Protein backbone atom coordinates (compact mmCIF):
# COMPACT_ATOMS: atom_id res chain seq x y z
CA MET A 1 66.49 92.16 68.65
CA PRO A 2 69.93 93.44 68.77
CA PRO A 3 70.68 96.81 70.46
CA LYS A 4 70.65 99.68 68.28
CA VAL A 5 73.83 101.29 67.52
CA ASN A 6 74.49 104.65 69.00
CA THR A 7 75.22 106.71 66.08
CA ARG A 8 75.74 110.04 68.18
CA THR A 9 78.95 108.69 69.45
CA GLN A 10 82.15 111.61 68.97
CA LEU A 11 85.50 110.44 68.75
CA THR A 12 88.03 112.38 69.67
CA GLU A 13 91.02 113.01 67.12
CA SER A 14 93.65 110.86 68.96
CA ILE A 15 91.19 108.24 68.02
CA ARG A 16 90.30 109.32 64.45
CA VAL A 17 94.01 109.41 64.09
CA GLU A 18 94.20 105.70 64.94
CA LEU A 19 91.14 104.64 62.84
CA CYS A 20 93.22 106.31 60.06
CA LYS A 21 96.41 104.40 60.56
CA MET A 22 94.11 100.48 61.21
CA LYS A 23 93.06 101.41 58.06
CA GLU A 24 96.28 102.27 56.39
CA SER A 25 97.98 99.56 57.72
CA ASN A 26 94.51 96.87 56.68
CA PRO A 27 93.91 98.42 53.70
CA SER A 28 91.46 95.07 53.19
CA TRP A 29 89.81 96.00 55.64
CA LYS A 30 85.85 97.28 54.89
CA GLN A 31 83.98 100.00 56.90
CA LYS A 32 82.42 96.96 58.81
CA ASP A 33 85.44 95.61 59.92
CA LEU A 34 86.73 99.17 61.66
CA VAL A 35 83.14 99.37 63.23
CA LYS A 36 83.85 96.21 65.08
CA TRP A 37 87.79 97.48 65.32
CA LEU A 38 86.52 100.41 67.81
CA GLU A 39 84.10 98.16 69.77
CA ASP A 40 86.24 95.73 70.04
CA THR A 41 89.00 98.65 71.36
CA HIS A 42 87.48 101.12 72.75
CA GLY A 43 84.04 99.87 73.45
CA LEU A 44 82.77 102.58 70.71
CA LYS A 45 79.90 102.32 68.59
CA VAL A 46 79.70 104.22 65.73
CA SER A 47 77.70 103.93 62.35
CA GLN A 48 79.68 103.18 58.77
CA ALA A 49 79.11 106.90 58.09
CA THR A 50 81.12 108.43 60.70
CA ILE A 51 83.93 106.09 59.62
CA SER A 52 83.39 107.06 55.96
CA LYS A 53 84.03 110.84 57.14
CA THR A 54 86.75 110.21 59.21
CA LEU A 55 88.66 108.27 56.47
CA LYS A 56 87.96 110.81 54.07
CA ARG A 57 90.01 113.17 56.38
CA SER A 58 92.97 110.74 57.11
CA VAL A 59 95.31 112.31 54.51
CA ASP A 60 94.58 115.56 57.00
CA LEU A 61 94.79 113.95 60.20
CA LEU A 62 97.87 111.56 59.72
CA GLN A 63 99.74 115.07 58.61
CA GLU A 64 98.55 117.22 61.23
CA GLU A 65 99.28 114.61 64.22
CA GLY A 66 101.51 116.81 65.98
CA LEU A 67 99.20 119.66 65.81
CA LEU A 68 96.36 117.86 67.11
CA ASN A 69 94.69 117.92 70.63
CA PRO A 70 94.20 114.52 71.02
CA ASN A 71 90.78 114.89 73.29
CA THR A 72 89.59 117.48 71.09
CA LYS A 73 86.36 116.61 69.13
CA HIS A 74 85.46 117.64 65.76
CA SER A 75 88.50 119.79 65.36
CA LYS A 76 88.99 122.17 62.68
CA MET A 77 92.24 121.49 60.20
CA VAL A 78 95.07 123.85 60.50
CA LYS A 79 95.10 126.06 57.59
CA TYR A 80 98.70 127.08 57.42
CA LEU A 81 100.25 124.11 58.41
CA ALA A 82 103.89 124.58 57.76
CA MET A 83 103.22 128.03 59.03
CA GLU A 84 102.24 126.36 62.82
CA SER A 85 105.02 123.58 62.76
CA ALA A 86 107.42 126.60 62.15
CA LEU A 87 106.05 128.82 65.16
CA TYR A 88 105.85 125.76 67.60
CA GLU A 89 109.11 124.58 66.98
CA CYS A 90 110.26 128.45 67.42
CA PHE A 91 107.74 128.52 70.45
CA VAL A 92 109.64 125.66 72.61
CA CYS A 93 112.95 126.45 71.27
CA HIS A 94 113.07 130.23 73.37
CA GLN A 95 110.52 129.11 75.99
CA GLU A 96 113.25 128.60 78.82
CA HIS A 97 114.92 131.87 77.82
CA VAL A 98 112.22 134.14 76.78
CA ASN A 99 108.89 135.31 78.34
CA MET A 100 106.71 134.56 75.80
CA ASN A 101 103.31 136.21 75.24
CA GLY A 102 100.29 136.28 72.97
CA GLU A 103 101.35 139.30 70.82
CA SER A 104 104.79 137.77 70.41
CA LEU A 105 103.14 134.73 68.74
CA LYS A 106 101.41 136.68 66.52
CA GLU A 107 104.45 138.54 65.31
CA LYS A 108 106.26 135.49 64.76
CA GLY A 109 103.23 134.00 63.45
CA ASN A 110 102.92 136.59 60.77
CA ILE A 111 106.70 136.52 59.92
CA PHE A 112 106.84 132.79 59.34
CA LEU A 113 103.44 132.80 57.18
CA ARG A 114 105.22 136.04 54.71
CA LYS A 115 108.13 133.40 53.98
CA LEU A 116 106.27 130.18 54.17
CA TYR A 117 102.80 131.80 52.26
CA PRO A 118 103.44 134.79 50.42
CA GLU A 119 100.37 134.47 48.62
CA ALA A 120 98.41 134.33 52.27
CA THR A 121 97.95 138.53 52.67
CA SER A 122 94.21 138.46 53.82
CA PHE A 123 94.94 135.89 56.88
CA GLY A 124 94.91 137.77 60.36
CA PHE A 125 96.33 136.59 63.67
CA SER A 126 93.38 137.16 65.50
CA ASN A 127 92.68 136.69 69.45
CA GLY A 128 90.46 133.56 68.48
CA TRP A 129 93.38 132.08 66.23
CA LEU A 130 95.59 132.71 69.30
CA GLU A 131 93.31 130.73 71.62
CA LYS A 132 92.98 127.94 69.28
CA PHE A 133 96.95 127.80 68.94
CA LYS A 134 97.70 127.58 72.20
CA GLN A 135 94.77 124.86 72.76
CA ARG A 136 96.29 122.57 70.06
CA HIS A 137 99.80 122.63 71.64
CA ALA A 138 98.47 122.85 75.14
CA ILE A 139 100.48 126.34 75.64
CA HIS A 140 99.58 127.91 79.19
CA SER A 141 100.43 130.61 81.13
CA PHE A 142 102.57 130.61 83.62
CA ARG A 143 105.15 132.58 86.32
CA ARG A 144 108.50 132.01 86.54
CA PHE A 145 109.73 131.98 90.25
CA GLY A 146 112.95 130.71 92.06
CA GLU A 147 116.55 130.79 90.92
CA SER A 148 116.82 127.19 89.95
CA GLY A 149 116.77 128.42 86.01
CA SER A 150 120.24 130.33 86.36
CA VAL A 151 122.14 127.06 88.14
CA ASN A 152 124.78 125.69 85.99
CA MET A 153 123.77 121.26 86.30
CA GLU A 154 126.99 120.64 85.17
CA LYS A 155 129.03 122.46 88.18
CA ILE A 156 126.34 120.50 90.59
CA GLU A 157 126.82 117.14 88.98
CA ALA A 158 130.28 117.24 89.27
CA SER A 159 129.88 117.48 93.13
CA PHE A 160 127.67 114.97 93.64
CA PRO A 161 129.72 111.86 93.85
CA SER A 162 131.15 113.44 97.18
CA ILE A 163 127.91 114.73 98.44
CA ARG A 164 126.84 111.02 97.91
CA GLU A 165 129.85 109.58 99.87
CA GLU A 166 128.50 111.49 102.57
CA LEU A 167 124.96 110.86 102.63
CA ASP A 168 125.57 107.22 102.40
CA LYS A 169 127.44 107.39 106.06
CA TRP A 170 123.98 108.25 107.82
CA ALA A 171 120.44 107.07 107.99
CA TRP A 172 117.71 109.11 107.01
CA LYS A 173 116.04 109.94 110.21
CA ASP A 174 119.86 111.59 110.82
CA ILE A 175 120.04 113.97 108.06
CA TYR A 176 119.12 117.15 108.91
CA ASN A 177 118.29 120.10 106.32
CA MET A 178 117.72 123.85 107.33
CA ASP A 179 117.33 126.86 105.76
CA GLU A 180 115.90 130.10 105.95
CA THR A 181 112.83 131.79 103.72
CA ASP A 182 110.99 135.28 103.70
CA LEU A 183 107.41 135.73 104.52
CA PHE A 184 105.83 139.05 103.04
CA TYR A 185 102.40 139.00 105.07
CA GLN A 186 101.41 142.12 104.02
CA MET A 187 102.16 141.66 100.25
CA GLN A 188 99.00 141.19 97.73
CA ALA A 189 98.61 138.25 95.34
CA ASP A 190 99.27 139.85 91.70
CA ASN A 191 97.05 138.23 90.40
CA SER A 192 93.08 138.98 90.56
CA LEU A 193 89.27 138.92 89.32
CA ALA A 194 88.35 142.58 87.78
CA THR A 195 86.24 143.91 85.12
CA LYS A 196 88.73 145.75 83.52
CA GLN A 197 92.71 146.14 83.66
CA LEU A 198 93.85 147.34 87.09
CA GLU A 199 96.96 149.38 87.51
CA GLY A 200 99.47 147.85 89.54
CA GLY A 201 101.13 149.38 92.54
CA LYS A 202 104.34 149.38 94.46
CA GLN A 203 104.16 146.33 96.91
CA ASN A 204 104.37 146.27 100.72
CA LYS A 205 107.76 144.15 101.03
CA GLU A 206 106.94 144.04 104.81
CA ARG A 207 108.27 140.31 105.83
CA ILE A 208 109.64 137.95 108.59
CA THR A 209 112.24 135.84 107.92
CA ILE A 210 111.21 131.96 109.33
CA VAL A 211 114.15 129.23 109.84
CA ILE A 212 112.67 125.65 108.95
CA CYS A 213 114.39 122.16 110.11
CA CYS A 214 113.94 118.94 109.44
CA ASN A 215 115.35 115.52 109.03
CA GLY A 216 115.50 113.53 105.77
CA ASP A 217 112.57 111.02 106.89
CA ASP A 218 110.22 113.94 108.11
CA SER A 219 109.99 112.47 111.44
CA ASP A 220 111.38 115.33 113.41
CA LYS A 221 110.03 118.76 112.38
CA LEU A 222 112.02 121.27 114.63
CA SER A 223 110.14 124.26 116.13
CA LEU A 224 110.75 127.13 113.44
CA TRP A 225 112.40 130.01 114.45
CA VAL A 226 110.99 133.42 113.44
CA ILE A 227 113.08 136.66 112.79
CA GLY A 228 111.13 139.98 112.83
CA LYS A 229 111.72 143.64 113.30
CA PHE A 230 110.29 144.56 116.52
CA LEU A 231 111.87 143.14 119.65
CA ASN A 232 108.17 143.44 121.12
CA PRO A 233 105.67 143.49 118.66
CA ARG A 234 101.94 144.55 119.48
CA CYS A 235 100.55 141.12 118.63
CA PHE A 236 102.61 139.41 121.48
CA ASN A 237 101.25 141.63 123.80
CA ASN A 238 99.51 139.36 126.68
CA VAL A 239 100.65 136.46 124.82
CA ASN A 240 103.12 133.44 126.36
CA ARG A 241 105.79 133.18 124.07
CA ASP A 242 106.47 129.70 125.55
CA ASN A 243 103.08 128.59 124.25
CA LEU A 244 103.59 129.39 120.50
CA ASN A 245 106.05 126.46 119.71
CA CYS A 246 108.66 128.76 117.99
CA LYS A 247 111.34 130.97 118.66
CA TYR A 248 111.24 134.53 118.37
CA ARG A 249 113.98 137.02 117.22
CA ALA A 250 114.21 140.41 116.48
CA ASN A 251 116.77 142.66 114.40
CA SER A 252 116.40 145.89 112.28
CA ASN A 253 116.02 144.19 109.16
CA ALA A 254 114.28 140.98 110.29
CA TRP A 255 117.55 139.05 108.61
CA MET A 256 119.14 136.13 109.90
CA THR A 257 122.55 137.45 111.44
CA SER A 258 125.82 135.67 112.54
CA LEU A 259 124.59 135.71 115.95
CA PHE A 260 121.52 134.20 115.21
CA PHE A 261 122.65 131.72 113.30
CA MET A 262 125.20 130.28 115.97
CA GLU A 263 122.18 130.72 118.57
CA TRP A 264 120.36 128.40 116.33
CA LEU A 265 123.60 125.88 115.99
CA LYS A 266 124.27 125.94 119.30
CA TRP A 267 120.24 125.13 120.22
CA PHE A 268 120.13 122.56 117.27
CA ASP A 269 123.36 120.68 118.82
CA SER A 270 121.99 121.01 122.37
CA ARG A 271 118.71 119.03 121.70
CA LEU A 272 119.81 115.85 120.11
CA GLY A 273 121.17 113.02 122.05
CA ARG A 274 122.75 111.53 118.93
CA ASN A 275 125.27 111.61 116.16
CA VAL A 276 123.71 113.81 112.86
CA LEU A 277 124.03 115.68 109.49
CA LEU A 278 123.36 118.71 109.36
CA ILE A 279 123.09 120.52 105.93
CA LEU A 280 123.53 123.86 105.38
CA ASP A 281 123.64 126.12 102.29
CA ASN A 282 126.46 128.95 101.41
CA CYS A 283 124.22 131.71 103.13
CA THR A 284 126.76 134.80 104.56
CA ALA A 285 125.33 134.60 108.00
CA HIS A 286 126.45 130.82 108.28
CA GLY A 287 130.21 131.70 107.97
CA LYS A 288 132.46 129.03 107.00
CA LYS A 289 132.90 125.39 108.76
CA GLU A 290 135.99 126.15 110.13
CA ASN A 291 134.50 129.15 111.92
CA LEU A 292 131.69 126.89 113.16
CA PRO A 293 131.66 126.76 116.94
CA PRO A 294 132.65 123.17 118.92
CA LEU A 295 129.77 120.77 117.78
CA HIS A 296 129.57 117.66 120.05
CA PRO A 297 126.55 115.15 117.85
CA THR A 298 126.48 116.99 114.79
CA THR A 299 128.48 117.04 111.98
CA VAL A 300 128.06 120.24 109.31
CA MET A 301 128.43 120.08 105.42
CA PHE A 302 128.09 122.57 103.57
CA LEU A 303 126.22 122.35 99.70
CA PRO A 304 128.06 124.01 96.77
CA PRO A 305 127.68 127.58 95.89
CA THR A 306 124.20 128.33 93.89
CA SER A 307 123.31 124.61 93.69
CA THR A 308 120.77 124.90 96.67
CA SER A 309 117.76 126.05 94.35
CA LYS A 310 118.27 122.39 92.64
CA ILE A 311 118.84 120.21 95.51
CA GLN A 312 118.50 121.38 99.22
CA SER A 313 115.41 119.73 100.12
CA CYS A 314 114.28 122.71 102.72
CA ASP A 315 114.82 124.77 99.31
CA VAL A 316 112.48 123.15 96.54
CA GLY A 317 109.73 122.04 98.44
CA ARG A 318 110.19 118.68 99.50
CA HIS A 319 109.56 119.33 103.32
CA TYR A 320 106.88 120.87 105.72
């Protein structure tokens, strides 16, 4: 006895669209041919009733292909297709430049609805509609961070030939990058679980500066330099700092200064017994190349202004 067909197999919307296209390309195929095609192509066994129901939706499925979540099963058809298409196109065009939220999507959707469907006076842009719209288009909530979005890429790309020319002279293990980063160690996260909306408070911006440096193939990660506010913080009581595998310095602002940078640069230059390239950004504390002290094995290269968030390894999360 042949195995019983599983008639409860559920097809995703992407497979239903593919099925409709197959029928459109092969109009002479019968439902049993499509059943066999599904089994051979996707390993799915369905009844002819499923094929029939899918083909009845063929026009809507093919028309709304771009608006469907491909992994959804039993997706409802979009009621006002032209409105959603216009809203999604508007969203994609503006998301890089304007912070978008649910209310702005509802407001813009209502404008498109009145223009494209003036007779649709009873449609409400509810939270349920909003969630389904976001699900259909894989729209999620993201936090903007960093400065890379404000960089002029044309100016950066113009500097690439000279940067590549210098980098090609060195092996990866001999190319080092140094950068500073702030650690706000007392700042709370700005997202929290709660049973109600909580009011925000002034964040604690107490910080330390951490200096990181490593080479291109990650075979050499230098000890961290940490810059705090206090020369002898309480946490260092009864602690041998030589065992911390980091260098600690302090000033009233916990910032990198030109004096600290010169000290770090001389320390870096003295610890290596071979010629290396050190890549730096144009931080004020780093000064200018012509003002650097004489360095024996180290060659310094400064990156173009405002480019580091795109091309500096230690600024885009490629190391440590």
